[in-house]
């Protein structure tokens, strides 16, 4: 993360260094792409990976694959980028009076004056409409799931004002794709998808508590709640609980998904996914230092690899 006091004009403090937006994007588009967090791709991965988990486990569950599944995977990728951008835009619109008071966020486009609230609303609607066009190519059950997903997305920016557990609301929004992609493949929702969704929420509690520790001092001053502030010095203990919940729930989702059609080898490969994911989360715990903002951001970003690990095992199980 760059030092907020020395951030070049227009750039955002916690953006990835030398990102494509700051270097290659046309100058007129940069404020809007920064508003969508295009200069910080980790959020798109965290939104997308549960979609791909749900899609592959749905394919394992019913033993069916088709070329349409490839489009579901691609559509989820494009949709995740668009809806993450729309959600972040909505978050910044809602938090515009807070972001200017937090050192890490005061360089964002709205508090820094790069984008007006009206411009942000138009940008949010444009991204949402493009995402809707993709959603409409999916099964009706998935379309319904996509519409319902707007509820946790709308609530999340306000959660930190009324609960110490806003990360739960982020988990509800960010892991919805596990159920949506399952429904897009199967045409309905089965129990394993709901268990997988719960596993994703536990994972979000893990990584976003780490992320939230960057802002605990500023959050305390302006009255913003978070699990990081709630747990304080007991954070590592709570993170271990979230780790165990993630691995246990994902393991159950795998078992329920694989039992109808998968071979023993496929079951073993799929179960290795949450097991290996748990070890990667344990590695993060060993490096945790809640006083080191740079380390916290590094660990948070490492969760792209955390979520990729079970995906690779699920794909191997599908091919077994």
C-alpha atoms as a PDB file:
ATOM      1  CA  UNK A   1       0.000   0.000   0.000  1.00  0.00           C
ATOM      2  CA  UNK A   2       1.215   3.488  -0.815  1.00  0.00           C
ATOM      3  CA  UNK A   3       1.661   6.082   1.910  1.00  0.00           C
ATOM      4  CA  UNK A   4      -1.585   8.126   1.836  1.00  0.00           C
ATOM      5  CA  UNK A   5       0.414  11.302   2.482  1.00  0.00           C
ATOM      6  CA  UNK A   6       2.545  10.831  -0.641  1.00  0.00           C
ATOM      7  CA  UNK A   7      -0.029   9.410  -3.079  1.00  0.00           C
ATOM      8  CA  UNK A   8       0.360  10.983  -6.550  1.00  0.00           C
ATOM      9  CA  UNK A   9      -2.528  13.158  -7.666  1.00  0.00           C
ATOM     10  CA  UNK A  10      -5.590  11.073  -8.507  1.00  0.00           C
ATOM     11  CA  UNK A  11      -4.263   7.698  -7.388  1.00  0.00           C
ATOM     12  CA  UNK A  12      -5.840   5.793  -4.502  1.00  0.00           C
ATOM     13  CA  UNK A  13      -3.741   5.007  -1.441  1.00  0.00           C
ATOM     14  CA  UNK A  14      -4.384   1.254  -1.248  1.00  0.00           C
ATOM     15  CA  UNK A  15      -4.239   0.578  -4.993  1.00  0.00           C
ATOM     16  CA  UNK A  16      -1.867  -2.022  -6.385  1.00  0.00           C
ATOM     17  CA  UNK A  17       1.403  -0.341  -7.315  1.00  0.00           C
ATOM     18  CA  UNK A  18       1.819   0.316 -11.068  1.00  0.00           C
ATOM     19  CA  UNK A  19      -1.684  -1.020 -11.781  1.00  0.00           C
ATOM     20  CA  UNK A  20      -3.089  -0.873 -15.309  1.00  0.00           C
ATOM     21  CA  UNK A  21      -5.604   1.855 -14.495  1.00  0.00           C
ATOM     22  CA  UNK A  22      -2.964   4.368 -13.409  1.00  0.00           C
ATOM     23  CA  UNK A  23      -0.640   3.510 -16.305  1.00  0.00           C
ATOM     24  CA  UNK A  24      -2.696   2.482 -19.332  1.00  0.00           C
ATOM     25  CA  UNK A  25      -6.319   3.600 -18.926  1.00  0.00           C
ATOM     26  CA  UNK A  26      -7.382   6.834 -20.690  1.00  0.00           C
ATOM     27  CA  UNK A  27      -7.155   9.766 -18.296  1.00  0.00           C
ATOM     28  CA  UNK A  28     -10.901  10.543 -18.482  1.00  0.00           C
ATOM     29  CA  UNK A  29     -11.794   6.978 -17.383  1.00  0.00           C
ATOM     30  CA  UNK A  30      -9.429   6.636 -14.442  1.00  0.00           C
ATOM     31  CA  UNK A  31     -11.627   8.213 -11.730  1.00  0.00           C
ATOM     32  CA  UNK A  32     -14.519   5.913 -12.661  1.00  0.00           C
ATOM     33  CA  UNK A  33     -12.340   2.811 -12.871  1.00  0.00           C
ATOM     34  CA  UNK A  34     -10.873   3.692  -9.477  1.00  0.00           C
ATOM     35  CA  UNK A  35     -14.417   4.076  -8.173  1.00  0.00           C
ATOM     36  CA  UNK A  36     -15.027   0.485  -9.360  1.00  0.00           C
ATOM     37  CA  UNK A  37     -11.774  -0.669  -7.687  1.00  0.00           C
ATOM     38  CA  UNK A  38     -10.385  -1.755 -11.072  1.00  0.00           C
ATOM     39  CA  UNK A  39      -6.980  -0.746  -9.692  1.00  0.00           C
ATOM     40  CA  UNK A  40      -7.504  -3.246  -6.841  1.00  0.00           C
ATOM     41  CA  UNK A  41      -8.535  -6.541  -8.492  1.00  0.00           C
ATOM     42  CA  UNK A  42      -8.592  -8.689  -5.345  1.00  0.00           C
ATOM     43  CA  UNK A  43     -12.253  -7.859  -4.690  1.00  0.00           C
ATOM     44  CA  UNK A  44     -13.314  -9.182  -8.090  1.00  0.00           C
ATOM     45  CA  UNK A  45     -11.542 -12.464  -7.364  1.00  0.00           C
ATOM     46  CA  UNK A  46     -13.204 -12.744  -3.958  1.00  0.00           C
ATOM     47  CA  UNK A  47     -16.604 -12.230  -5.592  1.00  0.00           C
ATOM     48  CA  UNK A  48     -15.914 -14.546  -8.535  1.00  0.00           C
ATOM     49  CA  UNK A  49     -14.329 -17.572  -6.872  1.00  0.00           C
ATOM     50  CA  UNK A  50     -17.473 -18.654  -4.942  1.00  0.00           C
ATOM     51  CA  UNK A  51     -19.347 -18.530  -8.279  1.00  0.00           C
ATOM     52  CA  UNK A  52     -16.896 -20.973  -9.808  1.00  0.00           C
ATOM     53  CA  UNK A  53     -17.006 -23.189  -6.694  1.00  0.00           C
ATOM     54  CA  UNK A  54     -20.779 -23.387  -7.005  1.00  0.00           C
ATOM     55  CA  UNK A  55     -20.691 -24.075 -10.735  1.00  0.00           C
ATOM     56  CA  UNK A  56     -18.194 -26.940 -10.540  1.00  0.00           C
ATOM     57  CA  UNK A  57     -19.817 -28.555  -7.503  1.00  0.00           C
ATOM     58  CA  UNK A  58     -23.188 -28.366  -9.278  1.00  0.00           C
ATOM     59  CA  UNK A  59     -21.637 -30.182 -12.250  1.00  0.00           C
ATOM     60  CA  UNK A  60     -20.212 -32.825  -9.906  1.00  0.00           C
ATOM     61  CA  UNK A  61     -23.568 -33.109  -8.139  1.00  0.00           C
ATOM     62  CA  UNK A  62     -25.654 -33.996 -11.195  1.00  0.00           C
ATOM     63  CA  UNK A  63     -22.895 -35.451 -13.363  1.00  0.00           C
ATOM     64  CA  UNK A  64     -23.847 -33.218 -16.298  1.00  0.00           C
ATOM     65  CA  UNK A  65     -21.664 -30.804 -18.252  1.00  0.00           C
ATOM     66  CA  UNK A  66     -22.422 -28.737 -21.333  1.00  0.00           C
ATOM     67  CA  UNK A  67     -21.028 -25.891 -23.388  1.00  0.00           C
ATOM     68  CA  UNK A  68     -23.483 -23.600 -21.617  1.00  0.00           C
ATOM     69  CA  UNK A  69     -21.486 -24.189 -18.427  1.00  0.00           C
ATOM     70  CA  UNK A  70     -18.523 -22.537 -20.143  1.00  0.00           C
ATOM     71  CA  UNK A  71     -20.685 -19.476 -20.785  1.00  0.00           C
ATOM     72  CA  UNK A  72     -21.845 -19.514 -17.151  1.00  0.00           C
ATOM     73  CA  UNK A  73     -18.187 -19.450 -16.063  1.00  0.00           C
ATOM     74  CA  UNK A  74     -17.336 -16.606 -18.446  1.00  0.00           C
ATOM     75  CA  UNK A  75     -20.556 -14.735 -17.660  1.00  0.00           C
ATOM     76  CA  UNK A  76     -19.835 -14.979 -13.944  1.00  0.00           C
ATOM     77  CA  UNK A  77     -16.385 -13.537 -14.581  1.00  0.00           C
ATOM     78  CA  UNK A  78     -17.686 -10.520 -16.473  1.00  0.00           C
ATOM     79  CA  UNK A  79     -20.620 -10.144 -14.093  1.00  0.00           C
ATOM     80  CA  UNK A  80     -18.360 -10.283 -11.039  1.00  0.00           C
ATOM     81  CA  UNK A  81     -16.219  -7.465 -12.435  1.00  0.00           C
ATOM     82  CA  UNK A  82     -19.272  -5.349 -13.211  1.00  0.00           C
ATOM     83  CA  UNK A  83     -21.180  -6.012  -9.988  1.00  0.00           C
ATOM     84  CA  UNK A  84     -18.118  -5.609  -7.822  1.00  0.00           C
ATOM     85  CA  UNK A  85     -17.663  -2.236  -9.521  1.00  0.00           C
ATOM     86  CA  UNK A  86     -21.310  -1.297  -9.043  1.00  0.00           C
ATOM     87  CA  UNK A  87     -21.239  -2.448  -5.417  1.00  0.00           C
ATOM     88  CA  UNK A  88     -18.063  -0.497  -4.659  1.00  0.00           C
ATOM     89  CA  UNK A  89     -19.554   2.578  -6.321  1.00  0.00           C
ATOM     90  CA  UNK A  90     -22.641   2.235  -4.133  1.00  0.00           C
ATOM     91  CA  UNK A  91     -20.406   1.739  -1.095  1.00  0.00           C
ATOM     92  CA  UNK A  92     -18.465   4.937  -1.856  1.00  0.00           C
ATOM     93  CA  UNK A  93     -21.656   6.914  -2.450  1.00  0.00           C
ATOM     94  CA  UNK A  94     -23.019   5.733   0.905  1.00  0.00           C
ATOM     95  CA  UNK A  95     -19.719   6.290   2.743  1.00  0.00           C
ATOM     96  CA  UNK A  96     -18.753   9.597   1.146  1.00  0.00           C
ATOM     97  CA  UNK A  97     -19.071  11.446   4.461  1.00  0.00           C
ATOM     98  CA  UNK A  98     -16.901   8.886   6.266  1.00  0.00           C
ATOM     99  CA  UNK A  99     -14.197   8.172   3.687  1.00  0.00           C
ATOM    100  CA  UNK A 100     -12.810  11.687   3.881  1.00  0.00           C
ATOM    101  CA  UNK A 101     -12.134  11.159   7.596  1.00  0.00           C
ATOM    102  CA  UNK A 102     -10.140   7.922   7.191  1.00  0.00           C
ATOM    103  CA  UNK A 103      -6.511   8.212   6.095  1.00  0.00           C
ATOM    104  CA  UNK A 104      -6.608   5.122   3.853  1.00  0.00           C
ATOM    105  CA  UNK A 105      -9.822   6.133   2.036  1.00  0.00           C
ATOM    106  CA  UNK A 106      -9.689   9.922   1.729  1.00  0.00           C
ATOM    107  CA  UNK A 107      -7.933   9.576  -1.659  1.00  0.00           C
ATOM    108  CA  UNK A 108     -10.903   7.716  -3.181  1.00  0.00           C
ATOM    109  CA  UNK A 109     -12.600   9.440  -6.138  1.00  0.00           C
ATOM    110  CA  UNK A 110     -15.645  10.923  -4.368  1.00  0.00           C
ATOM    111  CA  UNK A 111     -14.022  12.384  -1.205  1.00  0.00           C
ATOM    112  CA  UNK A 112     -11.039  13.597  -3.267  1.00  0.00           C
ATOM    113  CA  UNK A 113     -13.388  15.371  -5.682  1.00  0.00           C
ATOM    114  CA  UNK A 114     -12.533  13.375  -8.821  1.00  0.00           C
ATOM    115  CA  UNK A 115     -16.120  12.167  -9.292  1.00  0.00           C
ATOM    116  CA  UNK A 116     -19.392  13.848  -8.308  1.00  0.00           C
ATOM    117  CA  UNK A 117     -22.132  11.916  -6.540  1.00  0.00           C
ATOM    118  CA  UNK A 118     -24.349  12.333  -9.627  1.00  0.00           C
ATOM    119  CA  UNK A 119     -21.604  10.950 -11.856  1.00  0.00           C
ATOM    120  CA  UNK A 120     -21.096   8.026  -9.480  1.00  0.00           C
ATOM    121  CA  UNK A 121     -24.818   7.180  -9.535  1.00  0.00           C
ATOM    122  CA  UNK A 122     -24.849   7.172 -13.332  1.00  0.00           C
ATOM    123  CA  UNK A 123     -21.722   4.991 -13.399  1.00  0.00           C
ATOM    124  CA  UNK A 124     -23.250   2.560 -10.887  1.00  0.00           C
ATOM    125  CA  UNK A 125     -26.433   2.226 -12.952  1.00  0.00           C
ATOM    126  CA  UNK A 126     -24.478   1.661 -16.166  1.00  0.00           C
ATOM    127  CA  UNK A 127     -22.470  -1.180 -14.611  1.00  0.00           C
ATOM    128  CA  UNK A 128     -25.598  -2.736 -13.109  1.00  0.00           C
ATOM    129  CA  UNK A 129     -27.468  -2.678 -16.413  1.00  0.00           C
ATOM    130  CA  UNK A 130     -24.597  -4.378 -18.224  1.00  0.00           C
ATOM    131  CA  UNK A 131     -24.500  -7.043 -15.514  1.00  0.00           C
ATOM    132  CA  UNK A 132     -28.260  -7.516 -15.897  1.00  0.00           C
ATOM    133  CA  UNK A 133     -27.809  -8.203 -19.609  1.00  0.00           C
ATOM    134  CA  UNK A 134     -25.500 -11.092 -18.725  1.00  0.00           C
ATOM    135  CA  UNK A 135     -27.788 -12.364 -15.970  1.00  0.00           C
ATOM    136  CA  UNK A 136     -30.710 -12.567 -18.398  1.00  0.00           C
ATOM    137  CA  UNK A 137     -28.846 -15.236 -20.399  1.00  0.00           C
ATOM    138  CA  UNK A 138     -28.969 -17.607 -17.399  1.00  0.00           C
ATOM    139  CA  UNK A 139     -31.746 -19.897 -16.161  1.00  0.00           C
ATOM    140  CA  UNK A 140     -34.797 -18.223 -14.630  1.00  0.00           C
ATOM    141  CA  UNK A 141     -33.848 -19.521 -11.179  1.00  0.00           C
ATOM    142  CA  UNK A 142     -30.466 -17.805 -11.463  1.00  0.00           C
ATOM    143  CA  UNK A 143     -32.116 -14.590 -12.638  1.00  0.00           C
ATOM    144  CA  UNK A 144     -34.296 -14.627  -9.527  1.00  0.00           C
ATOM    145  CA  UNK A 145     -31.215 -15.233  -7.388  1.00  0.00           C
ATOM    146  CA  UNK A 146     -29.472 -12.330  -9.075  1.00  0.00           C
ATOM    147  CA  UNK A 147     -32.333  -9.958  -8.293  1.00  0.00           C
ATOM    148  CA  UNK A 148     -32.418 -11.096  -4.659  1.00  0.00           C
ATOM    149  CA  UNK A 149     -28.665 -10.467  -4.418  1.00  0.00           C
ATOM    150  CA  UNK A 150     -29.340  -6.734  -4.585  1.00  0.00           C
ATOM    151  CA  UNK A 151     -30.729  -6.799  -1.033  1.00  0.00           C
ATOM    152  CA  UNK A 152     -27.478  -7.649   0.836  1.00  0.00           C
ATOM    153  CA  UNK A 153     -25.529  -5.441  -1.582  1.00  0.00           C
ATOM    154  CA  UNK A 154     -27.785  -2.495  -0.732  1.00  0.00           C
ATOM    155  CA  UNK A 155     -27.604  -3.086   3.033  1.00  0.00           C
ATOM    156  CA  UNK A 156     -23.865  -3.733   3.413  1.00  0.00           C
ATOM    157  CA  UNK A 157     -22.569  -0.110   3.356  1.00  0.00           C
ATOM    158  CA  UNK A 158     -24.875   0.755   6.272  1.00  0.00           C
ATOM    159  CA  UNK A 159     -24.189  -2.375   8.350  1.00  0.00           C
ATOM    160  CA  UNK A 160     -21.103  -0.938  10.029  1.00  0.00           C
ATOM    161  CA  UNK A 161     -23.307   1.804  11.472  1.00  0.00           C
ATOM    162  CA  UNK A 162     -25.650  -0.510  13.391  1.00  0.00           C
ATOM    163  CA  UNK A 163     -23.766  -3.791  14.056  1.00  0.00           C
ATOM    164  CA  UNK A 164     -20.328  -4.945  15.154  1.00  0.00           C
ATOM    165  CA  UNK A 165     -20.614  -7.677  12.502  1.00  0.00           C
ATOM    166  CA  UNK A 166     -20.733  -5.836   9.142  1.00  0.00           C
ATOM    167  CA  UNK A 167     -18.462  -8.555   7.739  1.00  0.00           C
ATOM    168  CA  UNK A 168     -21.437 -10.924   7.913  1.00  0.00           C
ATOM    169  CA  UNK A 169     -23.340  -8.670   5.517  1.00  0.00           C
ATOM    170  CA  UNK A 170     -20.312  -8.510   3.225  1.00  0.00           C
ATOM    171  CA  UNK A 171     -20.210 -12.316   3.303  1.00  0.00           C
ATOM    172  CA  UNK A 172     -23.897 -12.527   2.428  1.00  0.00           C
ATOM    173  CA  UNK A 173     -23.288 -10.311  -0.618  1.00  0.00           C
ATOM    174  CA  UNK A 174     -19.896 -11.603  -1.787  1.00  0.00           C
ATOM    175  CA  UNK A 175     -20.724 -15.314  -1.692  1.00  0.00           C
ATOM    176  CA  UNK A 176     -24.184 -15.142  -3.240  1.00  0.00           C
ATOM    177  CA  UNK A 177     -22.646 -16.261  -6.508  1.00  0.00           C
ATOM    178  CA  UNK A 178     -22.118 -19.768  -5.119  1.00  0.00           C
ATOM    179  CA  UNK A 179     -25.888 -20.232  -5.138  1.00  0.00           C
ATOM    180  CA  UNK A 180     -26.481 -18.217  -8.294  1.00  0.00           C
ATOM    181  CA  UNK A 181     -24.000 -20.217 -10.385  1.00  0.00           C
ATOM    182  CA  UNK A 182     -25.383 -23.478  -8.979  1.00  0.00           C
ATOM    183  CA  UNK A 183     -28.893 -22.408 -10.024  1.00  0.00           C
ATOM    184  CA  UNK A 184     -27.613 -21.273 -13.433  1.00  0.00           C
ATOM    185  CA  UNK A 185     -26.324 -24.813 -14.066  1.00  0.00           C
ATOM    186  CA  UNK A 186     -29.007 -26.898 -12.336  1.00  0.00           C
ATOM    187  CA  UNK A 187     -32.089 -24.738 -12.822  1.00  0.00           C
ATOM    188  CA  UNK A 188     -32.797 -24.992  -9.109  1.00  0.00           C
ATOM    189  CA  UNK A 189     -31.107 -24.709  -5.732  1.00  0.00           C
ATOM    190  CA  UNK A 190     -29.960 -27.762  -3.749  1.00  0.00           C
ATOM    191  CA  UNK A 191     -28.807 -28.067  -0.139  1.00  0.00           C
ATOM    192  CA  UNK A 192     -25.061 -28.345  -0.965  1.00  0.00           C
ATOM    193  CA  UNK A 193     -25.154 -24.894  -2.558  1.00  0.00           C
ATOM    194  CA  UNK A 194     -26.540 -23.375   0.647  1.00  0.00           C
ATOM    195  CA  UNK A 195     -23.879 -25.108   2.758  1.00  0.00           C
ATOM    196  CA  UNK A 196     -21.204 -23.870   0.327  1.00  0.00           C
ATOM    197  CA  UNK A 197     -22.650 -20.362   0.683  1.00  0.00           C
ATOM    198  CA  UNK A 198     -22.278 -20.618   4.465  1.00  0.00           C
ATOM    199  CA  UNK A 199     -18.655 -21.749   4.035  1.00  0.00           C
ATOM    200  CA  UNK A 200     -18.009 -18.672   1.914  1.00  0.00           C
ATOM    201  CA  UNK A 201     -19.488 -16.395   4.552  1.00  0.00           C
ATOM    202  CA  UNK A 202     -17.138 -17.879   7.154  1.00  0.00           C
ATOM    203  CA  UNK A 203     -14.222 -17.300   4.776  1.00  0.00           C
ATOM    204  CA  UNK A 204     -15.287 -13.670   4.283  1.00  0.00           C
ATOM    205  CA  UNK A 205     -15.352 -13.178   8.052  1.00  0.00           C
ATOM    206  CA  UNK A 206     -11.768 -14.453   8.074  1.00  0.00           C
ATOM    207  CA  UNK A 207     -10.296 -12.263   5.348  1.00  0.00           C
ATOM    208  CA  UNK A 208     -12.321  -9.114   5.922  1.00  0.00           C
ATOM    209  CA  UNK A 209     -11.555  -9.056   9.639  1.00  0.00           C
ATOM    210  CA  UNK A 210      -7.886  -9.025   8.630  1.00  0.00           C
ATOM    211  CA  UNK A 211      -8.597  -6.218   6.157  1.00  0.00           C
ATOM    212  CA  UNK A 212     -10.613  -4.169   8.675  1.00  0.00           C
ATOM    213  CA  UNK A 213      -7.707  -4.051  11.136  1.00  0.00           C
ATOM    214  CA  UNK A 214      -6.082  -1.459   8.859  1.00  0.00           C
ATOM    215  CA  UNK A 215      -8.674   1.129   9.905  1.00  0.00           C
ATOM    216  CA  UNK A 216      -9.401   0.382  13.557  1.00  0.00           C
ATOM    217  CA  UNK A 217      -8.024   3.673  14.902  1.00  0.00           C
ATOM    218  CA  UNK A 218      -9.884   5.864  12.404  1.00  0.00           C
ATOM    219  CA  UNK A 219     -13.021   3.730  12.736  1.00  0.00           C
ATOM    220  CA  UNK A 220     -12.998   4.208  16.504  1.00  0.00           C
ATOM    221  CA  UNK A 221     -12.750   7.981  16.103  1.00  0.00           C
ATOM    222  CA  UNK A 222     -15.726   8.238  13.741  1.00  0.00           C
ATOM    223  CA  UNK A 223     -17.844   5.490  15.318  1.00  0.00           C
ATOM    224  CA  UNK A 224     -17.613   2.821  12.606  1.00  0.00           C
ATOM    225  CA  UNK A 225     -18.088  -0.751  13.861  1.00  0.00           C
ATOM    226  CA  UNK A 226     -16.265  -3.876  12.639  1.00  0.00           C
ATOM    227  CA  UNK A 227     -15.291  -7.350  13.766  1.00  0.00           C
ATOM    228  CA  UNK A 228     -11.695  -6.088  13.909  1.00  0.00           C
ATOM    229  CA  UNK A 229     -12.645  -3.562  16.575  1.00  0.00           C
ATOM    230  CA  UNK A 230     -14.887  -6.077  18.320  1.00  0.00           C
ATOM    231  CA  UNK A 231     -12.249  -8.817  18.543  1.00  0.00           C
ATOM    232  CA  UNK A 232      -9.204  -6.610  19.166  1.00  0.00           C
ATOM    233  CA  UNK A 233      -6.366  -8.641  20.666  1.00  0.00           C
ATOM    234  CA  UNK A 234      -8.499 -11.801  20.450  1.00  0.00           C
ATOM    235  CA  UNK A 235      -8.598 -11.616  16.651  1.00  0.00           C
ATOM    236  CA  UNK A 236      -6.363 -14.649  16.074  1.00  0.00           C
ATOM    237  CA  UNK A 237      -8.661 -16.811  18.219  1.00  0.00           C
ATOM    238  CA  UNK A 238     -11.705 -15.756  16.201  1.00  0.00           C
ATOM    239  CA  UNK A 239      -9.908 -16.221  12.906  1.00  0.00           C
ATOM    240  CA  UNK A 240      -9.140 -19.832  13.872  1.00  0.00           C
ATOM    241  CA  UNK A 241     -12.867 -20.363  14.465  1.00  0.00           C
ATOM    242  CA  UNK A 242     -13.686 -18.916  11.039  1.00  0.00           C
ATOM    243  CA  UNK A 243     -11.006 -21.139   9.509  1.00  0.00           C
ATOM    244  CA  UNK A 244     -12.547 -24.263  11.039  1.00  0.00           C
ATOM    245  CA  UNK A 245     -16.052 -23.200   9.995  1.00  0.00           C
ATOM    246  CA  UNK A 246     -14.896 -22.577   6.425  1.00  0.00           C
ATOM    247  CA  UNK A 247     -13.179 -25.941   6.088  1.00  0.00           C
ATOM    248  CA  UNK A 248     -15.927 -27.887   7.857  1.00  0.00           C
ATOM    249  CA  UNK A 249     -18.822 -26.357   5.936  1.00  0.00           C
ATOM    250  CA  UNK A 250     -17.061 -26.618   2.594  1.00  0.00           C
ATOM    251  CA  UNK A 251     -16.223 -30.244   3.353  1.00  0.00           C
ATOM    252  CA  UNK A 252     -19.918 -30.931   3.993  1.00  0.00           C
ATOM    253  CA  UNK A 253     -20.867 -29.179   0.761  1.00  0.00           C
ATOM    254  CA  UNK A 254     -18.379 -31.359  -1.127  1.00  0.00           C
ATOM    255  CA  UNK A 255     -19.697 -34.573   0.424  1.00  0.00           C
ATOM    256  CA  UNK A 256     -23.322 -33.697  -0.330  1.00  0.00           C
ATOM    257  CA  UNK A 257     -22.379 -32.667  -3.870  1.00  0.00           C
ATOM    258  CA  UNK A 258     -20.271 -35.708  -4.688  1.00  0.00           C
ATOM    259  CA  UNK A 259     -22.335 -38.516  -3.151  1.00  0.00           C
ATOM    260  CA  UNK A 260     -24.927 -38.914  -5.950  1.00  0.00           C
ATOM    261  CA  UNK A 261     -22.584 -39.414  -8.933  1.00  0.00           C
ATOM    262  CA  UNK A 262     -18.876 -38.959  -8.139  1.00  0.00           C
ATOM    263  CA  UNK A 263     -16.343 -41.749  -7.883  1.00  0.00           C
ATOM    264  CA  UNK A 264     -14.272 -42.374  -4.765  1.00  0.00           C
ATOM    265  CA  UNK A 265     -11.294 -40.703  -6.454  1.00  0.00           C
ATOM    266  CA  UNK A 266     -13.388 -37.643  -7.302  1.00  0.00           C
ATOM    267  CA  UNK A 267     -14.649 -37.468  -3.718  1.00  0.00           C
ATOM    268  CA  UNK A 268     -11.102 -37.606  -2.338  1.00  0.00           C
ATOM    269  CA  UNK A 269      -9.858 -34.957  -4.754  1.00  0.00           C
ATOM    270  CA  UNK A 270     -12.768 -32.642  -4.000  1.00  0.00           C
ATOM    271  CA  UNK A 271     -12.342 -33.042  -0.225  1.00  0.00           C
ATOM    272  CA  UNK A 272      -8.652 -32.188  -0.586  1.00  0.00           C
ATOM    273  CA  UNK A 273      -9.792 -28.714  -1.676  1.00  0.00           C
ATOM    274  CA  UNK A 274     -11.102 -27.419   1.674  1.00  0.00           C
ATOM    275  CA  UNK A 275      -8.284 -29.256   3.476  1.00  0.00           C
ATOM    276  CA  UNK A 276      -5.618 -27.432   1.432  1.00  0.00           C
ATOM    277  CA  UNK A 277      -7.539 -24.178   1.713  1.00  0.00           C
ATOM    278  CA  UNK A 278      -7.457 -24.522   5.495  1.00  0.00           C
ATOM    279  CA  UNK A 279      -3.682 -24.894   5.482  1.00  0.00           C
ATOM    280  CA  UNK A 280      -3.353 -21.705   3.432  1.00  0.00           C
ATOM    281  CA  UNK A 281      -5.548 -19.875   5.942  1.00  0.00           C
ATOM    282  CA  UNK A 282      -3.405 -21.289   8.765  1.00  0.00           C
ATOM    283  CA  UNK A 283      -0.335 -19.893   7.004  1.00  0.00           C
ATOM    284  CA  UNK A 284      -1.982 -16.469   7.044  1.00  0.00           C
ATOM    285  CA  UNK A 285      -2.631 -16.791  10.759  1.00  0.00           C
ATOM    286  CA  UNK A 286       1.042 -17.511  11.417  1.00  0.00           C
ATOM    287  CA  UNK A 287       1.990 -14.242   9.712  1.00  0.00           C
ATOM    288  CA  UNK A 288      -0.740 -12.116  11.293  1.00  0.00           C
ATOM    289  CA  UNK A 289       0.299  -8.854  12.933  1.00  0.00           C
ATOM    290  CA  UNK A 290      -2.705  -6.627  13.593  1.00  0.00           C
ATOM    291  CA  UNK A 291      -0.417  -3.609  14.119  1.00  0.00           C
ATOM    292  CA  UNK A 292       1.255  -3.867  10.693  1.00  0.00           C
ATOM    293  CA  UNK A 293      -1.013  -2.346   8.010  1.00  0.00           C
ATOM    294  CA  UNK A 294       1.256  -3.413   5.159  1.00  0.00           C
ATOM    295  CA  UNK A 295       1.234  -7.021   6.335  1.00  0.00           C
ATOM    296  CA  UNK A 296      -2.540  -6.951   6.835  1.00  0.00           C
ATOM    297  CA  UNK A 297      -3.078  -5.813   3.252  1.00  0.00           C
ATOM    298  CA  UNK A 298      -0.642  -8.452   1.986  1.00  0.00           C
ATOM    299  CA  UNK A 299      -2.491 -11.220   3.849  1.00  0.00           C
ATOM    300  CA  UNK A 300      -5.862  -9.957   2.658  1.00  0.00           C
ATOM    301  CA  UNK A 301      -4.718 -10.022  -0.959  1.00  0.00           C
ATOM    302  CA  UNK A 302      -3.348 -13.548  -0.471  1.00  0.00           C
ATOM    303  CA  UNK A 303      -6.942 -14.756  -0.231  1.00  0.00           C
ATOM    304  CA  UNK A 304      -7.189 -14.857  -3.999  1.00  0.00           C
ATOM    305  CA  UNK A 305      -4.863 -17.861  -3.792  1.00  0.00           C
ATOM    306  CA  UNK A 306      -6.789 -19.191  -0.785  1.00  0.00           C
ATOM    307  CA  UNK A 307      -9.995 -19.309  -2.813  1.00  0.00           C
ATOM    308  CA  UNK A 308      -8.258 -20.627  -5.919  1.00  0.00           C
ATOM    309  CA  UNK A 309      -6.945 -23.712  -4.103  1.00  0.00           C
ATOM    310  CA  UNK A 310     -10.300 -25.542  -3.652  1.00  0.00           C
ATOM    311  CA  UNK A 311     -11.320 -24.507  -7.162  1.00  0.00           C
ATOM    312  CA  UNK A 312      -8.353 -26.391  -8.641  1.00  0.00           C
ATOM    313  CA  UNK A 313      -9.175 -29.513  -6.610  1.00  0.00           C
ATOM    314  CA  UNK A 314     -12.851 -29.309  -7.590  1.00  0.00           C
ATOM    315  CA  UNK A 315     -11.849 -29.071 -11.261  1.00  0.00           C
ATOM    316  CA  UNK A 316      -9.600 -32.118 -10.868  1.00  0.00           C
ATOM    317  CA  UNK A 317     -12.470 -34.003  -9.228  1.00  0.00           C
ATOM    318  CA  UNK A 318     -14.781 -33.092 -12.109  1.00  0.00           C
ATOM    319  CA  UNK A 319     -12.308 -34.569 -14.587  1.00  0.00           C
ATOM    320  CA  UNK A 320     -11.585 -37.695 -12.505  1.00  0.00           C
END
